[in-house]
Protein backbone atom coordinates (compact mmCIF):
# COMPACT_ATOMS: atom_id res chain seq x y z
CA UNK A 1 120.05 232.86 89.60
CA UNK A 2 123.44 234.52 89.67
CA UNK A 3 125.56 236.31 87.14
CA UNK A 4 128.94 237.91 87.14
CA UNK A 5 130.61 240.17 84.57
CA UNK A 6 132.89 238.56 82.06
CA UNK A 7 134.39 240.72 79.32
CA UNK A 8 135.41 239.48 75.90
CA UNK A 9 137.92 241.86 74.27
CA UNK A 10 137.81 241.64 70.50
CA UNK A 11 140.76 242.55 68.28
CA UNK A 12 139.11 245.85 67.36
CA UNK A 13 138.51 246.86 70.96
CA UNK A 14 141.99 245.89 71.98
CA UNK A 15 143.34 248.16 69.25
CA UNK A 16 141.54 251.14 70.77
CA UNK A 17 138.31 251.24 68.76
CA UNK A 18 136.35 254.49 69.21
CA UNK A 19 133.27 252.37 69.91
CA UNK A 20 134.81 250.52 72.84
CA UNK A 21 133.19 252.65 75.53
CA UNK A 22 129.79 252.51 73.84
CA UNK A 23 129.49 248.70 74.01
CA UNK A 24 128.21 247.60 77.41
CA UNK A 25 129.69 244.41 78.80
CA UNK A 26 127.45 241.39 78.54
CA UNK A 27 127.13 239.66 81.90
CA UNK A 28 127.63 235.93 81.71
CA UNK A 29 125.74 233.78 84.16
CA UNK A 30 128.15 231.48 85.95
CA UNK A 31 126.93 228.14 87.27
CA UNK A 32 127.58 227.16 90.85
CA UNK A 33 129.66 224.08 91.56
CA UNK A 34 128.82 221.47 94.22
CA UNK A 35 131.94 219.33 94.40
CA UNK A 36 131.44 216.07 96.33
CA UNK A 37 134.36 213.77 97.14
CA UNK A 38 133.96 210.35 98.77
CA UNK A 39 136.93 208.57 100.34
CA UNK A 40 137.66 204.97 99.21
CA UNK A 41 134.37 204.66 97.30
CA UNK A 42 134.52 202.05 94.57
CA UNK A 43 131.84 202.06 91.83
CA UNK A 44 129.68 199.72 93.90
CA UNK A 45 126.53 201.78 93.38
CA UNK A 46 123.08 201.16 92.00
CA UNK A 47 123.75 203.47 89.05
CA UNK A 48 126.78 201.32 88.19
CA UNK A 49 124.68 198.16 88.08
CA UNK A 50 125.15 196.83 91.63
CA UNK A 51 121.85 195.21 92.62
CA UNK A 52 122.61 194.70 96.32
CA UNK A 53 123.91 198.09 97.45
CA UNK A 54 121.38 200.66 98.69
CA UNK A 55 122.36 204.05 97.23
CA UNK A 56 119.12 205.84 96.28
CA UNK A 57 120.55 209.35 96.59
CA UNK A 58 123.65 208.93 94.46
CA UNK A 59 121.41 207.09 92.00
CA UNK A 60 119.08 210.12 92.05
CA UNK A 61 122.02 212.34 91.12
CA UNK A 62 122.98 209.89 88.37
CA UNK A 63 119.47 210.13 86.92
CA UNK A 64 120.18 213.79 86.18
CA UNK A 65 123.66 213.51 84.73
CA UNK A 66 126.37 211.45 83.09
CA UNK A 67 127.70 208.32 84.77
CA UNK A 68 131.23 207.54 83.62
CA UNK A 69 131.42 203.76 83.75
CA UNK A 70 135.10 203.58 82.82
CA UNK A 71 136.69 206.35 84.92
CA UNK A 72 140.08 205.82 86.53
CA UNK A 73 142.12 207.64 89.14
CA UNK A 74 145.77 208.57 88.50
CA UNK A 75 147.14 206.66 91.50
CA UNK A 76 145.10 204.46 93.81
CA UNK A 77 145.87 206.03 97.18
CA UNK A 78 144.39 209.12 98.83
CA UNK A 79 147.18 211.73 98.79
CA UNK A 80 148.52 211.27 95.25
CA UNK A 81 145.13 210.87 93.56
CA UNK A 82 143.70 213.99 95.21
CA UNK A 83 146.84 216.02 94.54
CA UNK A 84 146.60 215.03 90.87
CA UNK A 85 142.86 215.67 90.50
CA UNK A 86 142.98 219.04 92.26
CA UNK A 87 145.97 220.34 90.28
CA UNK A 88 145.10 218.74 86.94
CA UNK A 89 148.62 217.28 86.81
CA UNK A 90 149.91 213.71 86.78
CA UNK A 91 151.68 212.27 89.82
CA UNK A 92 154.95 212.34 87.88
CA UNK A 93 154.48 216.12 87.64
CA UNK A 94 153.28 216.83 91.18
CA UNK A 95 155.90 214.36 92.55
CA UNK A 96 153.27 213.33 95.11
CA UNK A 97 153.52 209.54 95.03
CA UNK A 98 153.20 208.98 98.77
CA UNK A 99 151.45 210.21 101.91
CA UNK A 100 154.09 212.65 103.10
CA UNK A 101 155.09 214.83 100.14
CA UNK A 102 153.35 218.21 100.16
CA UNK A 103 152.08 219.65 96.89
CA UNK A 104 153.43 223.17 97.37
CA UNK A 105 156.85 221.96 98.45
CA UNK A 106 157.18 220.72 94.87
CA UNK A 107 154.96 223.22 93.02
CA UNK A 108 154.70 226.35 95.20
CA UNK A 109 152.86 228.38 92.56
CA UNK A 110 150.48 225.72 91.28
CA UNK A 111 146.88 226.92 90.89
CA UNK A 112 144.50 224.32 92.21
CA UNK A 113 140.98 223.73 90.92
CA UNK A 114 139.14 225.60 93.72
CA UNK A 115 141.82 228.30 93.67
CA UNK A 116 141.24 228.89 89.96
CA UNK A 117 137.51 229.30 90.52
CA UNK A 118 138.23 231.65 93.42
CA UNK A 119 140.44 233.73 91.11
CA UNK A 120 137.54 233.95 88.67
CA UNK A 121 134.95 235.40 91.02
CA UNK A 122 133.68 232.33 92.84
CA UNK A 123 133.34 231.99 96.59
CA UNK A 124 135.32 228.77 97.06
CA UNK A 125 134.77 227.00 100.37
CA UNK A 126 135.28 223.47 101.59
CA UNK A 127 134.68 221.07 104.45
CA UNK A 128 135.59 217.47 105.20
CA UNK A 129 138.30 215.68 103.24
CA UNK A 130 139.07 217.34 99.90
CA UNK A 131 142.86 217.48 99.87
CA UNK A 132 144.57 214.71 101.78
CA UNK A 133 145.84 216.63 104.84
CA UNK A 134 149.25 214.99 104.53
CA UNK A 135 149.70 216.60 101.12
CA UNK A 136 149.01 220.19 102.17
CA UNK A 137 149.57 222.57 105.08
CA UNK A 138 150.05 220.46 108.19
CA UNK A 139 148.79 223.23 110.48
CA UNK A 140 145.48 223.97 108.78
CA UNK A 141 144.98 220.51 107.19
CA UNK A 142 143.99 222.21 103.98
CA UNK A 143 145.53 224.45 101.33
CA UNK A 144 144.78 228.07 102.33
CA UNK A 145 145.52 229.44 98.84
CA UNK A 146 142.69 227.32 97.43
CA UNK A 147 139.87 228.84 99.43
CA UNK A 148 138.15 232.19 99.72
CA UNK A 149 138.33 232.03 103.52
CA UNK A 150 139.63 229.69 106.22
CA UNK A 151 138.54 226.11 105.74
CA UNK A 152 135.22 225.16 107.38
CA UNK A 153 136.21 222.55 109.96
CA UNK A 154 133.29 220.34 110.99
CA UNK A 155 132.78 219.89 114.75
CA UNK A 156 134.23 216.88 116.55
CA UNK A 157 132.07 214.45 118.54
CA UNK A 158 133.55 214.43 122.07
CA UNK A 159 132.16 210.90 122.61
CA UNK A 160 134.16 209.43 119.70
CA UNK A 161 137.64 207.89 119.58
CA UNK A 162 139.42 206.66 116.45
CA UNK A 163 136.13 206.92 114.58
CA UNK A 164 134.23 204.69 117.04
CA UNK A 165 131.46 205.67 119.46
CA UNK A 166 130.85 202.37 121.27
CA UNK A 167 130.84 203.51 124.93
CA UNK A 168 132.84 200.50 126.11
CA UNK A 169 135.58 201.15 123.56
CA UNK A 170 135.64 204.89 124.24
CA UNK A 171 135.93 204.16 128.00
CA UNK A 172 139.01 202.01 127.32
CA UNK A 173 140.68 204.89 125.47
CA UNK A 174 139.79 207.31 128.26
CA UNK A 175 141.31 204.89 130.81
CA UNK A 176 144.56 204.88 128.83
CA UNK A 177 144.58 208.67 128.81
CA UNK A 178 144.08 208.67 132.57
CA UNK A 179 147.20 206.52 132.85
CA UNK A 180 149.16 209.04 130.80
CA UNK A 181 149.06 207.08 127.54
CA UNK A 182 147.98 209.75 125.04
CA UNK A 183 149.87 209.16 121.80
CA UNK A 184 147.59 207.64 119.16
CA UNK A 185 149.95 204.84 118.13
CA UNK A 186 150.65 203.94 121.76
CA UNK A 187 146.94 203.81 122.49
CA UNK A 188 146.22 201.58 119.51
CA UNK A 189 149.05 199.24 120.50
CA UNK A 190 147.79 199.07 124.10
CA UNK A 191 144.28 198.28 122.84
CA UNK A 192 145.51 195.60 120.46
CA UNK A 193 144.20 197.71 117.61
CA UNK A 194 140.86 199.45 117.17
CA UNK A 195 137.68 197.85 115.80
CA UNK A 196 137.81 197.68 111.99
CA UNK A 197 134.00 197.62 111.86
CA UNK A 198 131.40 199.35 114.07
CA UNK A 199 127.89 199.10 112.65
CA UNK A 200 125.93 198.02 115.73
CA UNK A 201 125.44 201.38 117.47
CA UNK A 202 121.93 202.83 117.35
CA UNK A 203 123.03 206.45 117.04
CA UNK A 204 122.07 209.45 114.87
CA UNK A 205 123.97 210.21 111.68
CA UNK A 206 125.76 213.08 113.41
CA UNK A 207 127.47 210.68 115.83
CA UNK A 208 130.02 209.96 113.09
CA UNK A 209 132.03 212.41 111.03
CA UNK A 210 130.13 212.17 107.76
CA UNK A 211 126.89 213.32 109.36
CA UNK A 212 128.59 216.43 110.72
CA UNK A 213 130.41 217.01 107.43
CA UNK A 214 127.01 217.02 105.71
CA UNK A 215 125.70 219.43 108.37
CA UNK A 216 128.57 221.83 107.64
CA UNK A 217 128.13 221.52 103.88
CA UNK A 218 124.42 222.30 104.22
CA UNK A 219 125.25 225.38 106.31
CA UNK A 220 127.60 226.58 103.57
CA UNK A 221 124.93 226.11 100.90
CA UNK A 222 122.36 228.00 102.96
CA UNK A 223 124.80 230.86 103.49
CA UNK A 224 126.10 231.20 99.93
CA UNK A 225 123.01 230.48 97.83
CA UNK A 226 121.42 233.91 98.47
CA UNK A 227 124.58 235.84 97.54
CA UNK A 228 125.33 237.35 94.14
CA UNK A 229 128.63 235.56 93.59
CA UNK A 230 128.57 231.99 92.27
CA UNK A 231 129.78 229.39 94.74
CA UNK A 232 132.21 226.49 94.61
CA UNK A 233 131.27 224.34 97.60
CA UNK A 234 133.47 221.29 98.16
CA UNK A 235 132.27 218.61 100.57
CA UNK A 236 134.48 215.61 101.26
CA UNK A 237 133.04 212.54 102.98
CA UNK A 238 135.30 210.14 104.89
CA UNK A 239 133.47 206.85 104.54
CA UNK A 240 133.75 204.13 103.36
CA UNK A 241 137.38 204.53 104.47
CA UNK A 242 138.53 202.28 107.33
CA UNK A 243 137.37 201.85 110.03
CA UNK A 244 133.97 200.89 108.65
CA UNK A 245 131.72 202.77 111.07
CA UNK A 246 128.09 203.73 110.45
CA UNK A 247 124.84 203.96 112.42
CA UNK A 248 123.11 200.63 112.88
CA UNK A 249 120.16 201.53 110.65
CA UNK A 250 122.44 201.41 107.60
CA UNK A 251 123.79 197.97 108.51
CA UNK A 252 120.17 196.85 108.95
CA UNK A 253 119.53 197.56 105.28
CA UNK A 254 121.35 194.28 104.61
CA UNK A 255 121.29 190.69 105.81
CA UNK A 256 124.63 189.14 106.62
CA UNK A 257 123.61 186.12 104.51
CA UNK A 258 123.66 188.36 101.42
CA UNK A 259 127.45 188.69 101.56
CA UNK A 260 130.07 186.25 100.32
CA UNK A 261 133.84 186.21 100.26
CA UNK A 262 135.53 187.07 96.96
CA UNK A 263 135.34 184.42 94.26
CA UNK A 264 139.00 184.77 93.27
CA UNK A 265 141.46 184.75 96.16
CA UNK A 266 144.68 184.09 94.25
CA UNK A 267 147.13 186.35 92.45
CA UNK A 268 146.64 186.53 88.70
CA UNK A 269 148.55 183.72 86.98
CA UNK A 270 151.68 185.09 85.33
CA UNK A 271 151.61 188.47 87.10
CA UNK A 272 154.76 189.78 88.82
CA UNK A 273 154.68 188.97 92.52
CA UNK A 274 155.46 192.53 93.52
CA UNK A 275 152.24 193.88 92.02
CA UNK A 276 150.21 191.93 94.58
CA UNK A 277 149.76 193.57 97.97
CA UNK A 278 148.80 191.86 101.25
CA UNK A 279 146.48 194.57 102.60
CA UNK A 280 149.09 196.67 104.39
CA UNK A 281 146.62 199.30 105.56
CA UNK A 282 144.31 196.73 107.17
CA UNK A 283 146.96 194.35 108.54
CA UNK A 284 149.54 196.72 110.04
CA UNK A 285 148.37 196.35 113.63
CA UNK A 286 146.00 199.32 113.65
CA UNK A 287 142.91 197.10 113.74
CA UNK A 288 141.87 194.40 116.19
CA UNK A 289 140.92 190.86 115.19
CA UNK A 290 142.89 191.13 111.94
CA UNK A 291 145.94 188.85 111.51
CA UNK A 292 149.18 190.81 111.21
CA UNK A 293 151.21 190.57 108.03
CA UNK A 294 154.11 188.87 109.78
CA UNK A 295 151.79 186.17 111.10
CA UNK A 296 151.28 184.85 107.58
CA UNK A 297 147.65 183.94 108.24
CA UNK A 298 144.64 184.69 106.03
CA UNK A 299 141.80 186.86 107.29
CA UNK A 300 139.11 184.40 108.49
CA UNK A 301 136.07 184.16 106.25
CA UNK A 302 133.75 185.37 109.03
CA UNK A 303 135.82 188.51 109.46
CA UNK A 304 135.86 189.03 105.69
CA UNK A 305 132.06 188.92 105.69
CA UNK A 306 132.01 191.43 108.56
CA UNK A 307 134.31 193.76 106.61
CA UNK A 308 132.19 193.47 103.46
CA UNK A 309 129.02 194.16 105.46
CA UNK A 310 130.71 197.15 107.09
CA UNK A 311 131.77 198.56 103.72
CA UNK A 312 128.20 198.31 102.40
CA UNK A 313 126.78 199.98 105.51
CA UNK A 314 129.27 202.84 105.16
CA UNK A 315 128.41 203.38 101.50
CA UNK A 316 124.70 203.60 102.35
CA UNK A 317 125.45 205.95 105.26
CA UNK A 318 127.43 208.31 103.08
CA UNK A 319 124.80 208.04 100.35
CA UNK A 320 122.26 209.37 102.85
CA UNK A 321 124.51 212.37 103.55
CA UNK A 322 124.82 213.03 99.82
CA UNK A 323 121.03 213.01 99.70
CA UNK A 324 120.86 215.63 102.44
CA UNK A 325 123.23 217.86 100.45
CA UNK A 326 121.14 217.45 97.30
CA UNK A 327 117.98 218.27 99.24
CA UNK A 328 119.62 221.42 100.64
CA UNK A 329 120.72 222.46 97.16
CA UNK A 330 117.16 222.02 95.89
CA UNK A 331 115.76 224.02 98.82
CA UNK A 332 118.25 226.82 98.15
CA UNK A 333 116.62 227.67 94.82
CA UNK A 334 120.00 227.35 93.04
CA UNK A 335 119.77 223.76 91.83
CA UNK A 336 118.90 224.69 88.25
CA UNK A 337 122.05 226.79 87.99
CA UNK A 338 124.44 224.31 89.59
CA UNK A 339 126.81 221.65 88.33
CA UNK A 340 127.10 218.74 90.75
CA UNK A 341 130.09 216.44 90.48
CA UNK A 342 130.61 213.36 92.64
CA UNK A 343 133.74 211.24 92.63
CA UNK A 344 135.37 208.57 94.76
CA UNK A 345 139.12 209.10 95.01
CA UNK A 346 139.94 205.50 93.97
CA UNK A 347 138.53 201.99 94.17
CA UNK A 348 138.96 199.36 96.88
CA UNK A 349 139.84 195.67 97.02
CA UNK A 350 137.32 193.69 99.08
CA UNK A 351 139.25 190.42 99.22
CA UNK A 352 139.57 189.85 95.48
CA UNK A 353 142.93 188.22 94.68
CA UNK A 354 143.32 187.94 98.46
CA UNK A 355 143.85 191.72 98.57
CA UNK A 356 142.29 194.45 100.69
CA UNK A 357 142.37 198.24 100.42
CA UNK A 358 143.85 199.94 97.32
CA UNK A 359 147.51 200.43 96.27
CA UNK A 360 147.51 198.52 92.95
CA UNK A 361 147.07 199.05 89.23
CA UNK A 362 144.27 196.48 89.06
CA UNK A 363 140.65 197.21 88.13
CA UNK A 364 139.27 197.19 91.65
CA UNK A 365 141.76 199.86 92.73
CA UNK A 366 141.92 202.29 89.79
CA UNK A 367 138.30 202.21 88.59
CA UNK A 368 136.35 204.85 90.46
CA UNK A 369 132.91 206.46 90.36
CA UNK A 370 132.53 209.74 88.50
CA UNK A 371 129.16 211.43 87.99
CA UNK A 372 128.73 214.88 86.46
CA UNK A 373 125.24 216.39 86.55
CA UNK A 374 124.79 219.79 84.92
CA UNK A 375 121.45 220.67 86.46
CA UNK A 376 120.99 223.50 83.96
CA UNK A 377 120.25 220.71 81.49
CA UNK A 378 119.61 217.50 83.45
CA UNK A 379 119.63 214.23 81.54
CA UNK A 380 120.36 210.62 82.42
CA UNK A 381 123.10 208.97 80.39
CA UNK A 382 126.11 206.69 80.67
CA UNK A 383 129.48 206.66 78.98
CA UNK A 384 131.84 203.69 78.57
CA UNK A 385 134.67 205.82 77.24
CA UNK A 386 137.89 205.59 79.26
CA UNK A 387 138.42 208.83 81.18
CA UNK A 388 140.83 210.04 83.85
CA UNK A 389 140.43 212.15 86.96
CA UNK A 390 142.81 214.63 85.33
CA UNK A 391 139.87 215.51 83.09
CA UNK A 392 137.73 216.93 85.91
CA UNK A 393 139.57 220.28 86.16
CA UNK A 394 139.32 221.22 82.45
CA UNK A 395 135.75 219.89 82.26
CA UNK A 396 134.54 222.15 85.07
CA UNK A 397 136.35 225.11 83.51
CA UNK A 398 134.58 224.62 80.21
CA UNK A 399 131.19 224.03 81.80
CA UNK A 400 131.60 227.26 83.79
CA UNK A 401 132.67 229.23 80.72
CA UNK A 402 136.17 229.86 82.08
CA UNK A 403 139.35 229.71 80.01
CA UNK A 404 141.14 226.41 80.54
CA UNK A 405 144.68 226.86 81.93
CA UNK A 406 147.24 225.65 79.43
CA UNK A 407 149.21 223.79 82.10
CA UNK A 408 146.54 221.14 82.66
CA UNK A 409 147.34 217.62 81.51
CA UNK A 410 143.79 216.33 81.14
CA UNK A 411 141.10 217.00 78.55
CA UNK A 412 137.58 218.38 78.85
CA UNK A 413 134.84 215.76 78.91
CA UNK A 414 132.13 218.13 77.65
CA UNK A 415 131.94 216.35 74.26
CA UNK A 416 130.91 213.21 76.18
CA UNK A 417 128.40 215.18 78.24
CA UNK A 418 126.88 216.32 74.95
CA UNK A 419 127.12 212.89 73.31
CA UNK A 420 127.77 209.86 75.55
CA UNK A 421 128.93 207.81 72.57
CA UNK A 422 131.89 210.17 72.10
CA UNK A 423 135.38 209.21 73.23
CA UNK A 424 138.20 211.50 74.30
CA UNK A 425 141.06 209.01 74.58
CA UNK A 426 141.99 205.47 73.64
CA UNK A 427 143.01 204.48 77.15
CA UNK A 428 143.08 205.95 80.66
CA UNK A 429 146.45 205.89 82.40
CA UNK A 430 147.03 205.14 86.08
CA UNK A 431 150.24 204.39 87.96
CA UNK A 432 151.58 202.94 91.18
CA UNK A 433 155.17 202.46 92.45
CA UNK A 434 156.58 199.23 93.84
CA UNK A 435 159.79 198.06 95.41
CA UNK A 436 160.75 195.15 93.17
CA UNK A 437 163.79 194.05 95.17
CA UNK A 438 165.94 195.41 97.97
CA UNK A 439 166.75 199.03 97.15
CA UNK A 440 165.29 198.76 93.64
CA UNK A 441 162.05 200.50 92.71
CA UNK A 442 159.81 200.48 89.67
CA UNK A 443 156.85 202.54 88.57
CA UNK A 444 153.95 200.60 87.14
CA UNK A 445 151.90 202.36 84.46
CA UNK A 446 148.48 201.01 83.55
CA UNK A 447 146.54 201.72 80.34
CA UNK A 448 142.83 200.84 80.43
CA UNK A 449 140.76 201.02 77.26
CA UNK A 450 137.22 199.75 76.73
CA UNK A 451 138.27 196.08 76.96
CA UNK A 452 141.86 195.64 78.09
CA UNK A 453 144.30 196.74 80.77
CA UNK A 454 147.98 196.84 79.85
CA UNK A 455 150.64 197.48 82.50
CA UNK A 456 154.34 198.21 82.17
CA UNK A 457 156.66 198.09 85.17
CA UNK A 458 159.61 200.38 84.56
CA UNK A 459 162.67 200.18 86.78
CA UNK A 460 163.79 203.72 87.51
CA UNK A 461 164.72 206.06 90.33
CA UNK A 462 161.59 208.14 89.88
CA UNK A 463 162.13 210.07 93.13
CA UNK A 464 165.43 211.37 91.79
CA UNK A 465 163.72 212.54 88.61
CA UNK A 466 164.75 209.67 86.36
CA UNK A 467 162.20 209.74 83.56
CA UNK A 468 163.03 206.53 81.68
CA UNK A 469 164.22 203.06 82.47
CA UNK A 470 164.08 199.37 81.73
CA UNK A 471 160.73 197.62 81.31
CA UNK A 472 161.05 194.74 83.78
CA UNK A 473 157.52 193.26 83.55
CA UNK A 474 154.33 193.59 81.57
CA UNK A 475 150.72 192.57 82.19
CA UNK A 476 147.62 192.35 79.99
CA UNK A 477 144.07 191.57 81.13
CA UNK A 478 141.04 190.96 78.93
CA UNK A 479 137.88 192.03 80.76
CA UNK A 480 135.61 190.57 78.10
CA UNK A 481 136.82 186.99 78.56
CA UNK A 482 138.36 187.31 82.05
CA UNK A 483 136.57 190.03 84.05
CA UNK A 484 138.15 188.89 87.34
CA UNK A 485 141.75 189.25 86.11
CA UNK A 486 142.71 185.64 86.70
CA UNK A 487 145.49 185.44 84.09
CA UNK A 488 148.11 187.76 82.62
CA UNK A 489 147.77 187.38 78.82
CA UNK A 490 150.75 189.46 77.75
CA UNK A 491 152.71 186.46 76.40
CA UNK A 492 149.71 184.73 74.82
CA UNK A 493 150.22 184.74 71.01
CA UNK A 494 146.49 185.29 70.55
CA UNK A 495 146.93 188.77 72.06
CA UNK A 496 150.05 189.81 70.15
CA UNK A 497 148.22 192.45 68.12
CA UNK A 498 146.59 193.92 71.22
CA UNK A 499 149.91 193.99 73.08
CA UNK A 500 151.57 195.78 70.16
CA UNK A 501 148.81 198.39 70.11
CA UNK A 502 149.03 198.97 73.85
CA UNK A 503 152.82 199.13 73.74
CA UNK A 504 152.47 201.91 71.20
CA UNK A 505 150.15 203.80 73.56
CA UNK A 506 152.69 203.42 76.35
CA UNK A 507 155.44 204.67 74.09
CA UNK A 508 153.40 207.70 73.07
CA UNK A 509 152.68 208.54 76.71
CA UNK A 510 156.34 209.30 77.37
CA UNK A 511 156.64 207.01 80.41
CA UNK A 512 159.81 205.39 79.08
């Protein structure tokens, strides 16, 4: 168990009380933080009610903490959502709405979550994908100010290319290099794209990145657990991000016959066309055997099944790495003084509405897993309250007994940890920009409560700092009667009262 001094100065002591020197400081035991991020992980987990997925280790963590069933990211794409979560600020404050804007170019003095813990006596270290590298220092692929020492880069597998280890594929890449073709985009074009799924290789977990990320995280735990200072260890796993690659044993957990294409393949009736997305990330030419966007062809059902199988295998693979981390924490002797938090940076469309990947304000993109287990007082519980990823920063501050910075835009979720029936907000807000016509952009803001999702599309030049604008479209979905979002109900008279209530929430949020 670890402790560190924390001094509370009362009004009398601050005024120069004669007894000040006679009162010894009371050391306050600080909990460690194990901070686990998972890229592109939707809440398709056993602890979220999925009966097909095999995730025993994340489910084990859930059995010791609070599962937030209605948690939502701030923007459903890697860079913006991570920039928001790690600064405790909304995308409209960080100005990180894309995959090229760097956080400190906009907010050079911002204090990130790990940086704040570092400033308060923690040894803050990280490995894997925590920040999106495109949002931070391009040379170190992390944010040096956030960490107590240089970032712990996990080792590369020399027998891997573009995430794949199939010897035949790797040999093709090596042959291109021998011909002088070395640029990544040129190689992918010459190959006709890289495999979107590789789950047939009988290799150890360490053949792929997540196995080696877990190895590095375990090394950090073994090093820091014996020390006097509390630790903040951040471990970011890369799967189930594309390409879907995992050792064969995780694919073998499933039968292909268990998978089916999405039930709803059409856009929601009455929704603005520009909200729909055609799977840019998957269909941009980076992946083989996937029809290009300009070809106007659907992804064949057999390939959709392969993608769905690959996603499941990746989730189970990463779950196993989470289990290894939890085992290492237990072996360290520090588990009962550690807070473990696990989150996926956003959801993922697996063919629903004919969409793939993220990049929307719909349920499958914004709803994300969030599990907080305070192992000082383990208990299994679930909360249906809407919460936002902005709330992680202030929650960890309060759990660690640290003052909460006044600049944060989220709220602490500790009342829900104490009472899962509590609620901290009426609706969770997410956002995503869209080009609505040539040269005209809008920002879509989504408000998700316990039953409904309301979306306003506001035409404005948000990049130029325009804060308000014209509402050009609205959407309303009722997850009680229409869980698959088949119809926009915003103009249905039966929902007039609900629309008025949600409009009021939008007005109070300041988005207009």
